[in-house]
Amino acid sequence: MTDNTKIANQLRALVLLSQTEEQVARTRVSQARTDAVRRELTQNADNAAERTRAITEQLRAIGGVPDVVTPAIGRLSAVLKATFEQAEPLEEALLQDLQLEHQLHDRATYVKVLAEKNELPRVRALAERLITAHKATIEWLTVVLAEEALGGPAALVPTPFQQVAGTAVRAANLPYRFVANRVNEALDTAQQRREAAGNRIGEVADKASSFSDAVRETLTVGRSASLRRAERIARREGNREAADTARAAREELGDVSADELPIKGFDSLSTSDAAKAAKALRKPHDIRVIIRYEETHKNRANVISAAQVALAEVAKEAVGVDS
């Protein structure tokens, strides 16, 4: 097998993987948390399509024959990936995205070395371009995963099915004695848990039931009032875990009072000042509270984006990615 044949085979593989990458990016657009992320993902998809064309051109230039079936396979692979990942938590889907990008990066690196040996400067230039693009995407996905690991909210929003899957995985690992007894209950209420609020409320209901029948009853009378009452009763009875869970549920729903926010006088700040203050936050929990509160109340895009930037900076620090 000649080196040119090796290059042709690798370029065909890159076309297939780039087609998959494009389709994955387009499916992720609907999961973007902000308009900025949505634009970025759309641009990434367009760039992947353009890279596919460039790879195909170089394949023809060295005498290779593009595989006409490859584009269809790439699209099919992405559709199947998007379908099967609905049964997985968001982090698992993102790890698979990351695996795809690493394969693209590594194959491009291999093609670069082959091109250097065979004195094919255009193929080498293309390979260097691919390496740069995939390195940037690897860093972006690594940061998104770090955002999720820090508690989020990440740049990508889990689908309803992924929310259920994530809740099931977390429940399976919770170190509470009563979890095993409530597995069937969790499965029975999976339909309701497809909503983000339902995820938290169901968890609170399970925890609260371990210390008071009265708390279970309050959970049926008004979401916000129930959570606040559950938290108050739990703290009164010394059940800190249940109280903290109830508060976390309120924070996830944006149901916190102004004096509970990590930014003093947040409600009275102008949009620009609120965005500046949000961008200066450095604790993931504080950033999460501000984003949920803002989404629930004023929903100012600039403020939410600023807080998301702050979370991305913290995530970059956590994984050692330069800003």
Protein backbone atom coordinates (compact mmCIF):
# COMPACT_ATOMS: atom_id res chain seq x y z
CA MET A 1 0.00 0.00 0.00
CA THR A 2 1.48 3.36 -1.07
CA ASP A 3 1.50 6.45 1.08
CA ASN A 4 -0.93 8.15 -1.32
CA THR A 5 -3.36 5.30 -0.78
CA LYS A 6 -2.99 5.74 2.96
CA ILE A 7 -3.73 9.45 2.62
CA ALA A 8 -6.76 8.76 0.42
CA ASN A 9 -8.14 6.30 2.95
CA GLN A 10 -7.66 8.76 5.78
CA LEU A 11 -9.27 11.59 3.81
CA ARG A 12 -12.31 9.40 3.13
CA ALA A 13 -12.54 8.66 6.85
CA LEU A 14 -12.28 12.38 7.61
CA VAL A 15 -15.13 13.11 5.22
CA LEU A 16 -17.32 10.59 7.04
CA LEU A 17 -16.42 11.93 10.47
CA SER A 18 -16.80 15.57 9.37
CA GLN A 19 -20.28 14.83 8.03
CA THR A 20 -21.16 13.34 11.40
CA GLU A 21 -19.62 16.34 13.16
CA GLU A 22 -21.75 18.72 11.10
CA GLN A 23 -24.98 16.91 11.87
CA VAL A 24 -24.16 16.65 15.57
CA ALA A 25 -23.51 20.40 15.69
CA ARG A 26 -26.86 21.07 14.05
CA THR A 27 -28.68 18.86 16.57
CA ARG A 28 -26.92 20.71 19.39
CA VAL A 29 -28.23 24.10 18.16
CA SER A 30 -31.63 23.37 19.73
CA GLN A 31 -29.88 22.71 23.06
CA ALA A 32 -28.01 26.04 23.15
CA ARG A 33 -28.70 28.00 26.32
CA THR A 34 -28.02 31.43 24.82
CA ASP A 35 -28.20 33.07 21.40
CA ALA A 36 -24.41 33.41 21.41
CA VAL A 37 -23.96 29.66 21.84
CA ARG A 38 -26.64 29.04 19.21
CA ARG A 39 -24.76 31.20 16.71
CA GLU A 40 -21.49 29.50 17.58
CA LEU A 41 -22.92 26.03 17.04
CA THR A 42 -24.51 27.06 13.74
CA GLN A 43 -21.16 28.45 12.61
CA ASN A 44 -19.43 25.25 13.72
CA ALA A 45 -21.85 23.21 11.62
CA ASP A 46 -21.28 25.44 8.59
CA ASN A 47 -17.52 25.20 9.09
CA ALA A 48 -17.72 21.40 9.29
CA ALA A 49 -19.63 21.35 5.99
CA GLU A 50 -16.98 23.55 4.41
CA ARG A 51 -14.21 21.31 5.76
CA THR A 52 -15.96 18.33 4.21
CA ARG A 53 -15.87 20.04 0.81
CA ALA A 54 -12.20 20.95 1.23
CA ILE A 55 -11.26 17.39 2.19
CA THR A 56 -13.17 16.02 -0.80
CA GLU A 57 -11.35 18.41 -3.14
CA GLN A 58 -7.96 17.29 -1.86
CA LEU A 59 -9.02 13.67 -2.15
CA ARG A 60 -9.79 14.22 -5.83
CA ALA A 61 -6.58 16.21 -6.30
CA ILE A 62 -4.39 13.26 -5.27
CA GLY A 63 -6.32 10.90 -7.51
CA GLY A 64 -8.63 9.48 -4.90
CA VAL A 65 -12.28 8.73 -5.58
CA PRO A 66 -14.75 10.18 -3.04
CA ASP A 67 -17.13 7.66 -1.59
CA VAL A 68 -20.61 8.79 -2.64
CA VAL A 69 -22.11 6.74 0.18
CA THR A 70 -20.03 8.44 2.88
CA PRO A 71 -22.14 11.63 3.24
CA ALA A 72 -25.31 9.60 3.75
CA ILE A 73 -23.53 7.40 6.29
CA GLY A 74 -22.29 10.46 8.13
CA ARG A 75 -25.77 11.89 8.39
CA LEU A 76 -27.19 8.53 9.44
CA SER A 77 -24.48 8.15 12.10
CA ALA A 78 -25.39 11.54 13.54
CA VAL A 79 -29.11 10.73 13.56
CA LEU A 80 -28.48 7.42 15.31
CA LYS A 81 -26.16 9.12 17.79
CA ALA A 82 -28.76 11.77 18.57
CA THR A 83 -31.43 9.08 19.02
CA PHE A 84 -29.48 6.75 21.28
CA GLU A 85 -28.02 9.51 23.43
CA GLN A 86 -31.52 10.49 24.55
CA ALA A 87 -31.29 7.57 26.97
CA GLU A 88 -28.06 8.97 28.41
CA PRO A 89 -27.30 11.90 30.72
CA LEU A 90 -26.05 15.02 28.96
CA GLU A 91 -22.48 14.47 30.15
CA GLU A 92 -22.33 11.08 28.43
CA ALA A 93 -23.51 12.59 25.14
CA LEU A 94 -20.89 15.33 25.42
CA LEU A 95 -18.16 12.80 26.17
CA GLN A 96 -19.09 11.05 22.93
CA ASP A 97 -18.90 14.38 21.09
CA LEU A 98 -15.46 14.85 22.59
CA GLN A 99 -14.41 11.38 21.46
CA LEU A 100 -15.45 12.25 17.89
CA GLU A 101 -13.41 15.46 17.95
CA HIS A 102 -10.34 13.66 19.29
CA GLN A 103 -10.58 11.14 16.46
CA LEU A 104 -10.84 13.94 13.90
CA HIS A 105 -7.87 15.72 15.47
CA ASP A 106 -5.72 12.58 15.61
CA ARG A 107 -6.49 11.53 12.04
CA ALA A 108 -5.69 15.03 10.80
CA THR A 109 -2.36 14.84 12.62
CA TYR A 110 -1.63 11.52 10.94
CA VAL A 111 -2.53 12.96 7.53
CA LYS A 112 -0.19 15.89 8.14
CA VAL A 113 2.77 13.56 8.70
CA LEU A 114 1.88 11.49 5.63
CA ALA A 115 1.58 14.65 3.53
CA GLU A 116 4.97 15.92 4.70
CA LYS A 117 6.59 12.62 3.78
CA ASN A 118 4.91 12.56 0.36
CA GLU A 119 5.59 16.25 -0.29
CA LEU A 120 1.95 17.25 -0.69
CA PRO A 121 1.89 20.85 0.61
CA ARG A 122 -1.82 21.43 -0.03
CA VAL A 123 -2.82 18.32 1.87
CA ARG A 124 -0.43 19.31 4.64
CA ALA A 125 -1.97 22.81 4.83
CA LEU A 126 -5.45 21.28 4.97
CA ALA A 127 -4.38 18.93 7.75
CA GLU A 128 -2.95 21.83 9.77
CA ARG A 129 -6.22 23.71 9.34
CA LEU A 130 -8.18 20.68 10.54
CA ILE A 131 -5.88 20.25 13.54
CA THR A 132 -6.43 23.87 14.60
CA ALA A 133 -10.22 23.65 14.19
CA HIS A 134 -10.61 20.39 16.11
CA LYS A 135 -8.26 21.51 18.87
CA ALA A 136 -10.52 24.54 19.43
CA THR A 137 -13.65 22.35 19.50
CA ILE A 138 -12.01 19.93 21.94
CA GLU A 139 -11.27 22.82 24.29
CA TRP A 140 -14.84 24.14 23.97
CA LEU A 141 -16.38 20.75 24.74
CA THR A 142 -13.97 20.27 27.64
CA VAL A 143 -15.11 23.59 29.10
CA VAL A 144 -18.81 22.71 28.63
CA LEU A 145 -18.23 19.43 30.46
CA ALA A 146 -16.44 21.32 33.23
CA GLU A 147 -19.41 23.69 33.49
CA GLU A 148 -21.69 20.70 33.92
CA ALA A 149 -19.32 19.16 36.49
CA LEU A 150 -19.34 22.42 38.45
CA GLY A 151 -23.13 22.24 38.68
CA GLY A 152 -23.98 24.28 35.61
CA PRO A 153 -25.92 25.63 34.01
CA ALA A 154 -23.76 24.57 31.07
CA ALA A 155 -23.75 26.19 27.64
CA LEU A 156 -25.89 23.29 26.41
CA VAL A 157 -29.26 22.41 27.91
CA PRO A 158 -30.13 18.72 28.36
CA THR A 159 -33.16 17.48 26.48
CA PRO A 160 -36.16 16.34 28.58
CA PHE A 161 -35.10 12.71 28.10
CA GLN A 162 -31.54 13.51 29.15
CA GLN A 163 -32.87 15.27 32.24
CA VAL A 164 -34.68 12.08 33.22
CA ALA A 165 -31.61 9.98 32.46
CA GLY A 166 -29.39 12.29 34.50
CA THR A 167 -31.77 12.22 37.43
CA ALA A 168 -31.89 8.42 37.34
CA VAL A 169 -28.09 8.17 37.37
CA ARG A 170 -27.79 10.62 40.26
CA ALA A 171 -30.48 8.79 42.21
CA ALA A 172 -28.67 5.50 41.73
CA ASN A 173 -25.58 6.96 43.34
CA LEU A 174 -27.13 8.89 46.22
CA PRO A 175 -25.72 7.69 49.56
CA TYR A 176 -29.06 7.52 51.34
CA ARG A 177 -30.46 4.34 52.82
CA PHE A 178 -33.96 4.98 51.58
CA VAL A 179 -33.07 5.37 47.91
CA ALA A 180 -33.34 1.64 47.20
CA ASN A 181 -36.90 1.63 48.54
CA ARG A 182 -37.89 4.44 46.22
CA VAL A 183 -36.48 3.27 42.91
CA ASN A 184 -39.87 2.09 41.72
CA GLU A 185 -41.44 5.39 42.74
CA ALA A 186 -38.80 7.25 40.74
CA LEU A 187 -39.56 5.12 37.68
CA ASP A 188 -43.31 5.59 38.08
CA THR A 189 -42.90 9.37 38.14
CA ALA A 190 -40.39 9.55 35.28
CA GLN A 191 -42.97 11.20 33.03
CA GLN A 192 -43.35 14.15 35.39
CA ARG A 193 -39.58 14.35 35.84
CA ARG A 194 -39.11 15.23 32.24
CA GLU A 195 -39.53 18.81 33.31
CA ALA A 196 -36.62 20.40 35.13
CA ALA A 197 -38.79 21.47 38.03
CA GLY A 198 -40.20 17.98 38.36
CA ASN A 199 -36.72 16.54 38.73
CA ARG A 200 -36.04 18.56 41.85
CA ILE A 201 -39.50 18.39 43.38
CA GLY A 202 -39.60 14.60 43.10
CA GLU A 203 -36.23 14.38 44.81
CA VAL A 204 -37.42 16.69 47.59
CA ALA A 205 -40.57 14.62 48.04
CA ASP A 206 -38.52 11.46 48.52
CA LYS A 207 -36.21 13.09 51.05
CA ALA A 208 -38.93 14.92 52.92
CA SER A 209 -41.00 11.78 53.40
CA SER A 210 -38.30 10.31 55.62
CA PHE A 211 -39.02 12.74 58.41
CA SER A 212 -42.60 13.99 58.26
CA ASP A 213 -45.94 13.05 56.71
CA ALA A 214 -46.92 16.70 56.98
CA VAL A 215 -44.16 17.72 54.59
CA ARG A 216 -45.40 15.23 52.00
CA GLU A 217 -48.79 16.91 52.12
CA THR A 218 -47.34 20.37 51.65
CA LEU A 219 -45.67 19.24 48.42
CA THR A 220 -49.08 18.95 46.78
CA VAL A 221 -50.10 22.53 47.53
CA GLY A 222 -48.20 24.99 45.41
CA ARG A 223 -44.67 24.40 44.16
CA SER A 224 -42.92 27.40 45.70
CA ALA A 225 -44.84 27.35 48.94
CA SER A 226 -44.23 23.62 49.27
CA LEU A 227 -40.50 23.92 48.82
CA ARG A 228 -40.21 26.79 51.27
CA ARG A 229 -42.30 24.99 53.85
CA ALA A 230 -40.36 21.76 53.34
CA GLU A 231 -37.11 23.63 53.88
CA ARG A 232 -38.40 25.41 56.97
CA ILE A 233 -39.70 22.22 58.58
CA ALA A 234 -36.54 20.31 57.72
CA ARG A 235 -34.34 22.93 59.35
CA ARG A 236 -36.59 23.02 62.39
CA GLU A 237 -36.32 19.26 62.75
CA GLY A 238 -32.57 19.29 62.19
CA ASN A 239 -32.67 17.47 58.84
CA ARG A 240 -30.03 19.52 57.08
CA GLU A 241 -29.79 17.29 54.01
CA ALA A 242 -33.48 17.60 53.22
CA ALA A 243 -33.40 21.35 53.91
CA ASP A 244 -30.43 21.85 51.60
CA THR A 245 -32.14 19.80 48.90
CA ALA A 246 -35.30 21.91 49.17
CA ARG A 247 -33.26 25.09 48.90
CA ALA A 248 -31.33 23.70 45.92
CA ALA A 249 -34.67 22.95 44.25
CA ARG A 250 -35.84 26.52 44.87
CA GLU A 251 -32.60 27.88 43.45
CA GLU A 252 -32.94 25.67 40.38
CA LEU A 253 -36.43 27.11 39.85
CA GLY A 254 -35.21 30.68 40.40
CA ASP A 255 -37.48 30.88 43.44
CA VAL A 256 -35.23 32.88 45.75
CA SER A 257 -35.76 36.24 47.37
CA ALA A 258 -33.60 39.28 46.58
CA ASP A 259 -31.75 39.02 49.89
CA GLU A 260 -30.73 35.43 49.04
CA LEU A 261 -28.92 36.48 45.87
CA PRO A 262 -25.09 36.61 45.86
CA ILE A 263 -25.18 40.14 44.38
CA LYS A 264 -26.50 42.81 46.73
CA GLY A 265 -29.20 45.04 45.28
CA PHE A 266 -29.29 42.93 42.12
CA ASP A 267 -32.93 43.76 41.31
CA SER A 268 -32.23 47.49 41.36
CA LEU A 269 -29.22 47.32 39.03
CA SER A 270 -29.43 48.41 35.41
CA THR A 271 -28.90 45.79 32.72
CA SER A 272 -25.30 46.84 32.12
CA ASP A 273 -24.45 46.96 35.84
CA ALA A 274 -26.17 43.62 36.47
CA ALA A 275 -24.22 42.06 33.61
CA LYS A 276 -20.96 43.49 34.94
CA ALA A 277 -21.66 42.17 38.43
CA ALA A 278 -22.66 38.75 37.11
CA LYS A 279 -19.51 38.51 35.01
CA ALA A 280 -17.40 39.19 38.11
CA LEU A 281 -18.78 36.17 40.01
CA ARG A 282 -16.37 33.29 40.57
CA LYS A 283 -18.30 30.71 42.61
CA PRO A 284 -20.23 28.23 40.41
CA HIS A 285 -23.10 28.12 42.90
CA ASP A 286 -23.47 31.91 42.90
CA ILE A 287 -23.39 32.04 39.11
CA ARG A 288 -26.01 29.29 38.90
CA VAL A 289 -28.33 31.10 41.31
CA ILE A 290 -28.07 34.35 39.34
CA ILE A 291 -28.75 32.65 36.00
CA ARG A 292 -31.79 30.78 37.27
CA TYR A 293 -33.14 33.88 39.02
CA GLU A 294 -32.62 36.04 35.93
CA GLU A 295 -34.21 33.46 33.63
CA THR A 296 -37.24 33.26 35.90
CA HIS A 297 -37.71 36.99 36.49
CA LYS A 298 -36.39 39.61 34.05
CA ASN A 299 -34.79 37.23 31.54
CA ARG A 300 -32.31 39.80 30.24
CA ALA A 301 -30.19 38.11 27.58
CA ASN A 302 -27.12 40.27 28.26
CA VAL A 303 -27.13 39.44 31.97
CA ILE A 304 -27.56 35.71 31.37
CA SER A 305 -24.79 35.71 28.76
CA ALA A 306 -22.46 37.57 31.14
CA ALA A 307 -23.09 35.03 33.88
CA GLN A 308 -22.53 32.22 31.40
CA VAL A 309 -19.18 33.78 30.45
CA ALA A 310 -18.24 33.87 34.13
CA LEU A 311 -19.06 30.17 34.49
CA ALA A 312 -17.02 29.38 31.37
CA GLU A 313 -14.03 31.21 32.85
CA VAL A 314 -14.29 29.19 36.06
CA ALA A 315 -14.63 25.99 34.04
CA LYS A 316 -11.55 26.88 31.97
CA GLU A 317 -9.55 27.35 35.13
CA ALA A 318 -10.76 23.99 36.43
CA VAL A 319 -9.56 22.11 33.34
CA GLY A 320 -6.46 24.21 32.63
CA VAL A 321 -7.66 25.75 29.37
CA ASP A 322 -6.23 29.19 28.58
CA SER A 323 -8.80 31.93 28.17
